[in-house]
Protein backbone atom coordinates (compact mmCIF):
# COMPACT_ATOMS: atom_id res chain seq x y z
CA ILE A 1 181.50 -132.04 105.55
CA LEU A 2 177.91 -131.33 106.58
CA GLU A 3 176.69 -133.53 103.74
CA ASP A 4 177.70 -136.47 105.93
CA GLU A 5 174.67 -137.29 108.11
CA ASP A 6 176.76 -138.78 110.93
CA ILE A 7 178.88 -135.65 111.29
CA GLN A 8 175.89 -133.35 110.96
CA GLU A 9 173.92 -135.27 113.60
CA LYS A 10 176.84 -135.29 116.06
CA ILE A 11 177.45 -131.53 115.71
CA GLN A 12 173.73 -130.82 116.01
CA LEU A 13 173.54 -132.90 119.19
CA LYS A 14 176.47 -131.01 120.73
CA LEU A 15 174.85 -127.68 119.87
CA MET A 16 171.57 -128.78 121.47
CA GLU A 17 173.39 -129.72 124.67
CA ARG A 18 175.10 -126.33 124.84
CA SER A 19 171.90 -124.40 124.08
CA LYS A 20 170.27 -125.85 127.22
CA LYS A 21 172.98 -124.24 129.35
CA GLY A 22 172.95 -120.80 127.74
CA TYR A 23 173.29 -118.95 124.45
CA ILE A 24 174.82 -120.41 121.29
CA ARG A 25 177.64 -118.50 119.57
CA ALA A 26 179.52 -119.14 116.36
CA GLU A 27 182.56 -119.83 118.56
CA ASP A 28 180.71 -122.82 120.02
CA ILE A 29 180.59 -124.66 116.72
CA VAL A 30 184.28 -123.86 116.15
CA GLU A 31 185.09 -125.46 119.52
CA ILE A 32 182.86 -128.45 118.80
CA VAL A 33 184.62 -129.13 115.50
CA GLN A 34 188.02 -128.81 117.23
CA SER A 35 187.04 -131.30 119.95
CA SER A 36 188.73 -134.70 119.92
CA GLU A 37 185.41 -136.49 119.49
CA ILE A 38 184.55 -134.68 116.25
CA GLN A 39 188.15 -134.81 115.01
CA ASP A 40 188.20 -138.60 115.52
CA LEU A 41 184.91 -138.86 113.64
CA LEU A 42 186.33 -136.76 110.81
CA ALA A 43 189.45 -138.94 110.74
CA SER A 44 187.31 -142.05 110.37
CA LYS A 45 185.80 -140.38 107.32
CA GLY A 46 189.26 -139.73 105.89
CA THR A 47 189.60 -136.03 106.77
CA ARG A 48 190.57 -133.62 109.53
CA THR A 49 189.76 -129.91 109.54
CA THR A 50 189.09 -126.82 111.60
CA ILE A 51 186.75 -124.00 110.65
CA SER A 52 186.73 -120.21 110.96
CA ILE A 53 184.08 -118.03 112.63
CA TRP A 54 182.64 -117.12 109.22
CA THR A 55 182.34 -120.77 108.25
CA ALA A 56 180.75 -121.50 111.64
CA ARG A 57 178.04 -118.91 110.96
CA ARG A 58 177.27 -120.48 107.60
CA TRP A 59 177.14 -123.91 109.20
CA LEU A 60 174.71 -122.67 111.86
CA LYS A 61 172.33 -121.56 109.11
CA ARG A 62 172.76 -124.89 107.32
CA LEU A 63 171.85 -126.63 110.58
CA ASP A 64 168.65 -124.52 110.88
CA TRP A 65 169.86 -122.21 113.64
CA ARG A 66 168.65 -118.61 113.35
CA TYR A 67 169.92 -115.49 115.08
CA GLY A 68 167.19 -113.34 116.66
CA LYS A 69 165.19 -112.56 119.77
CA THR A 70 164.17 -115.52 121.91
CA LYS A 71 160.49 -116.38 122.01
CA ASN A 72 158.67 -115.89 125.29
CA GLY A 73 157.49 -119.03 126.99
CA MET A 74 155.05 -119.44 129.85
CA TYR A 75 155.96 -117.42 132.93
CA ILE A 76 156.75 -119.40 136.07
CA ASP A 77 155.78 -117.32 139.06
CA GLY A 78 154.41 -119.54 141.80
CA HIS A 79 151.48 -120.85 139.74
CA GLU A 80 151.83 -124.34 141.21
CA ARG A 81 152.25 -123.31 144.84
CA GLU A 82 149.91 -125.30 147.05
CA ASP A 83 147.95 -122.27 148.26
CA VAL A 84 147.67 -120.87 144.72
CA VAL A 85 146.37 -124.19 143.40
CA GLU A 86 143.79 -124.35 146.20
CA TYR A 87 142.66 -120.80 145.48
CA ARG A 88 142.36 -121.60 141.78
CA LYS A 89 140.26 -124.68 142.50
CA GLY A 90 137.99 -122.64 144.76
CA PHE A 91 137.61 -119.96 142.10
CA LEU A 92 136.64 -122.54 139.47
CA GLU A 93 134.01 -124.00 141.79
CA ARG A 94 132.54 -120.55 142.35
CA TRP A 95 132.63 -119.88 138.61
CA LYS A 96 130.62 -123.04 137.92
CA GLU A 97 127.94 -121.71 140.23
CA TYR A 98 128.04 -118.31 138.53
CA GLU A 99 127.62 -119.86 135.08
CA LYS A 100 124.36 -121.48 136.14
CA ARG A 101 122.94 -117.97 136.32
CA MET A 102 124.38 -116.65 133.03
CA ILE A 103 123.39 -116.73 129.38
CA ILE A 104 126.27 -118.50 127.60
CA TYR A 105 127.17 -117.43 124.05
CA ASP A 106 129.42 -118.98 121.40
CA ASN A 107 132.08 -117.04 119.48
CA HIS A 108 129.48 -115.84 116.97
CA GLY A 109 127.10 -114.42 119.56
CA ASN A 110 124.63 -117.29 119.40
CA ILE A 111 123.05 -118.41 122.67
CA ILE A 112 124.27 -121.82 123.82
CA SER A 113 122.41 -122.03 127.12
CA THR A 114 120.17 -119.91 129.32
CA PRO A 115 119.85 -119.96 133.12
CA ASN A 116 117.14 -122.15 134.57
CA GLY A 117 116.83 -120.94 138.11
CA PRO A 118 114.67 -122.27 140.92
CA ALA A 119 111.39 -120.66 141.89
CA ILE A 120 112.46 -117.46 143.66
CA PRO A 121 110.76 -114.28 144.84
CA LEU A 122 110.44 -111.58 142.20
CA GLN A 123 112.61 -109.18 144.19
CA VAL A 124 115.60 -111.57 143.93
CA ARG A 125 117.76 -111.10 140.83
CA PHE A 126 118.74 -114.59 139.69
CA LYS A 127 120.28 -113.72 136.31
CA LEU A 128 123.98 -112.79 136.29
CA ILE A 129 125.61 -110.64 133.61
CA LEU A 130 129.40 -110.66 133.39
CA VAL A 131 130.95 -107.19 133.18
CA THR A 132 134.69 -107.18 132.46
CA HIS A 133 136.99 -104.19 132.78
CA ASP A 134 140.29 -103.40 131.12
CA GLU A 135 142.56 -100.50 130.30
CA SER A 136 144.64 -99.93 127.17
CA THR A 137 147.18 -97.22 126.43
CA PHE A 138 147.83 -95.92 122.92
CA TYR A 139 150.67 -93.66 121.80
CA ALA A 140 150.77 -90.92 119.19
CA ASN A 141 153.63 -92.63 117.36
CA ASP A 142 152.18 -96.14 117.38
CA ARG A 143 152.80 -97.75 114.01
CA ARG A 144 153.07 -101.12 112.35
CA LYS A 145 156.56 -102.57 112.48
CA THR A 146 156.09 -105.03 109.64
CA LYS A 147 154.46 -104.49 106.25
CA TRP A 148 154.80 -105.31 102.56
CA SER A 149 156.99 -102.76 100.80
CA HIS A 150 158.37 -102.49 97.31
CA SER A 151 162.10 -102.97 96.79
CA SER A 152 162.32 -99.43 95.41
CA GLU A 153 160.66 -97.88 98.47
CA LYS A 154 162.99 -95.64 100.46
CA ALA A 155 163.07 -95.30 104.23
CA ALA A 156 161.04 -92.35 105.48
CA PRO A 157 161.94 -90.30 108.58
CA GLU A 158 160.01 -91.30 111.70
CA ARG A 159 159.27 -89.51 114.93
CA LYS A 160 161.51 -90.46 117.81
CA GLY A 161 159.95 -91.99 120.92
CA GLU A 162 156.41 -93.14 121.59
CA GLY A 163 154.85 -89.69 121.74
CA ALA A 164 151.92 -88.54 123.86
CA SER A 165 149.70 -91.27 125.27
CA ILE A 166 145.99 -91.72 125.72
CA MET A 167 144.47 -94.35 128.01
CA ILE A 168 141.07 -95.96 127.46
CA SER A 169 139.31 -97.57 130.43
CA ASP A 170 136.12 -99.40 129.56
CA PHE A 171 133.68 -102.19 130.46
CA LEU A 172 132.42 -105.00 128.21
CA THR A 173 129.45 -107.35 128.52
CA PRO A 174 128.43 -110.44 126.51
CA GLU A 175 124.86 -109.11 126.21
CA TRP A 176 125.41 -105.53 125.04
CA GLY A 177 129.06 -105.22 124.08
CA ARG A 178 130.44 -101.99 125.53
CA LEU A 179 128.57 -100.90 128.65
CA ARG A 180 126.52 -97.87 127.64
CA ASP A 181 122.95 -96.66 127.30
CA ASP A 182 121.20 -94.00 125.23
CA SER A 183 122.55 -91.09 127.24
CA ASP A 184 125.82 -92.23 128.80
CA GLU A 185 128.69 -94.70 128.56
CA ALA A 186 131.10 -96.22 131.05
CA GLN A 187 134.20 -95.53 128.97
CA VAL A 188 136.80 -93.09 130.31
CA ILE A 189 139.39 -91.43 128.06
CA PHE A 190 142.37 -90.34 130.13
CA LYS A 191 145.39 -88.32 129.01
CA ALA A 192 148.04 -89.55 131.40
CA GLY A 193 151.00 -87.35 132.28
CA LYS A 194 152.30 -84.91 134.86
CA ASN A 195 151.15 -81.84 132.92
CA ARG A 196 147.99 -83.45 131.53
CA ASP A 197 145.29 -85.36 133.46
CA GLY A 198 147.74 -86.76 136.00
CA TYR A 199 147.75 -90.52 136.53
CA PHE A 200 144.80 -92.90 136.63
CA SER A 201 144.35 -93.89 140.26
CA ALA A 202 142.10 -96.16 142.29
CA ASP A 203 139.86 -93.17 143.06
CA ASP A 204 139.41 -92.53 139.32
CA LEU A 205 138.49 -96.18 138.84
CA LEU A 206 135.99 -96.08 141.72
CA ASN A 207 134.26 -93.06 140.18
CA GLN A 208 134.11 -94.87 136.85
CA VAL A 209 132.68 -97.99 138.51
CA LYS A 210 129.92 -95.93 140.13
CA ASP A 211 128.92 -94.61 136.70
CA ALA A 212 129.16 -98.12 135.24
CA ILE A 213 126.80 -99.49 137.91
CA ASP A 214 124.25 -96.76 137.16
CA ILE A 215 124.40 -97.60 133.45
CA PHE A 216 124.11 -101.32 134.20
CA GLU A 217 121.00 -100.72 136.32
CA SER A 218 119.51 -98.67 133.50
CA ARG A 219 120.21 -101.35 130.87
CA SER A 220 119.08 -104.30 132.99
CA ASN A 221 115.99 -102.53 134.38
CA GLY A 222 116.72 -104.09 137.75
CA THR A 223 116.23 -107.66 136.46
CA ALA A 224 119.84 -108.88 136.71
CA THR A 225 122.95 -108.67 138.88
CA GLY A 226 126.24 -107.51 137.42
CA LEU A 227 129.32 -109.64 138.10
CA PHE A 228 132.13 -107.09 137.72
CA MET A 229 135.58 -108.57 137.09
CA PHE A 230 138.91 -106.73 137.24
CA ASP A 231 142.50 -107.80 136.69
CA ASN A 232 145.15 -107.60 139.40
CA ALA A 233 146.68 -104.24 138.43
CA PRO A 234 148.26 -102.28 141.34
CA SER A 235 145.67 -99.50 141.06
CA HIS A 236 142.95 -102.12 141.64
CA GLN A 237 144.43 -103.28 144.95
CA LYS A 238 144.01 -100.13 147.02
CA ARG A 239 142.60 -100.66 150.50
CA ALA A 240 140.16 -98.39 152.28
CA PRO A 241 141.92 -95.52 154.11
CA ASP A 242 141.03 -97.07 157.50
CA ALA A 243 141.66 -100.71 156.49
CA ARG A 244 143.53 -102.93 158.94
CA SER A 245 147.14 -103.55 157.95
CA ALA A 246 150.33 -104.54 159.78
CA ARG A 247 152.53 -102.74 157.25
CA LYS A 248 154.50 -99.84 158.76
CA MET A 249 152.84 -100.50 162.11
CA PRO A 250 155.13 -99.38 164.99
CA LYS A 251 156.10 -101.87 167.66
CA GLY A 252 155.26 -99.60 170.59
CA PRO A 253 152.66 -96.91 171.34
CA SER A 254 152.58 -93.81 169.15
CA ALA A 255 150.75 -90.55 169.78
CA ASN A 256 149.76 -89.59 166.24
CA TRP A 257 150.29 -92.72 164.15
CA THR A 258 147.90 -93.58 161.34
CA HIS A 259 148.50 -96.00 158.49
CA HIS A 260 148.36 -93.16 155.97
CA LYS A 261 149.79 -89.72 156.67
CA ASN A 262 147.01 -87.43 157.91
CA GLY A 263 144.60 -90.32 157.33
CA PRO A 264 141.85 -91.72 159.56
CA GLU A 265 142.42 -94.09 162.45
CA MET A 266 142.64 -97.77 161.58
CA ARG A 267 139.32 -99.55 161.97
CA PRO A 268 138.95 -101.94 164.96
CA GLY A 269 139.92 -105.58 164.76
CA ARG A 270 138.17 -108.60 166.20
CA LEU A 271 139.45 -110.75 169.05
CA PRO A 272 139.32 -114.58 168.96
CA ASP A 273 136.17 -114.54 171.12
CA GLY A 274 134.43 -112.33 168.58
CA SER A 275 134.55 -109.10 170.56
CA THR A 276 135.84 -105.85 169.07
CA GLN A 277 139.48 -104.86 169.58
CA SER A 278 140.34 -101.19 169.30
CA PHE A 279 143.88 -100.46 168.15
CA TYR A 280 143.91 -97.17 170.06
CA PHE A 281 143.92 -96.45 173.78
CA PRO A 282 140.71 -94.82 175.08
CA ALA A 283 140.50 -91.05 175.29
CA ASP A 284 140.53 -91.21 179.11
CA HIS A 285 143.74 -93.26 179.31
CA PRO A 286 145.89 -91.79 182.14
CA THR A 287 149.16 -91.51 180.18
CA MET A 288 148.45 -92.19 176.49
CA PRO A 289 144.94 -90.91 175.67
CA GLY A 290 143.96 -91.82 172.11
CA TRP A 291 147.43 -93.15 171.27
CA PHE A 292 147.94 -96.01 168.84
CA LYS A 293 148.69 -99.08 170.98
CA GLY A 294 151.49 -100.51 168.85
CA MET A 295 151.89 -104.00 167.45
CA GLU A 296 153.27 -105.52 170.66
CA THR A 297 150.26 -104.52 172.78
CA ILE A 298 147.79 -105.50 170.05
CA ILE A 299 149.29 -109.01 169.83
CA LYS A 300 149.35 -109.43 173.63
CA GLU A 301 145.66 -108.51 173.84
CA ARG A 302 144.87 -111.29 171.41
């Protein structure tokens, strides 16, 4: 039946329509063949038939359908929101300005262009060097899932689970590769886990960045500025302990409230006229000395 191009095309079209609404099953092609439209087409060809599930599976293969995991497409997560688009445009404009101060390399490490800056004082560092950061985690039982194997090769026992992990946090530069000098390197090897090194936090990253800056200064001899770039991982988004934030802020006054438990007081804000706004009552307040004012009072003062 599938040798007939008209029948094959009609069934294929019906399958395509169904696939847009969800998953395709062998039962779908059985239902399509049983439909009056296909039965009338079969009758015009001098035949009528129905098919079993097993036949439907063979037909799906004949029609170039394959059973397996779906391929990942592009994620849609607010990329075209108006504010996101504006931010992206602004970033690209800033990046164009940054590139004017960078040495640009091709994929083989050859220099394409060098910065030609204006006449500037010697103490100003015009040259920019991009320093990118990333983290990768490797597991003891990492292994290749696909390989060439002989037909006589037997399956070997494998360890269950991923096994112990090791995390590598490092910095890369176009000029020098990994960020390191003769005596030190920026790379951190971290054994994550409750009974091991714990978990890599923002404080760990800050300590690593301090070392990375020292190494950068040593390598550049004070002649360039490092443009450090990080991805948007949660551990990279930590605020300062006294940073201003409306999250968890109580509506009314509170005697001992701080944004973080046992943390410092929240730093002052700034009123529309430019003057400083303290979020805490003064120490000589008659009824609430040193208390947090609360969101309601803070908004009214503004």
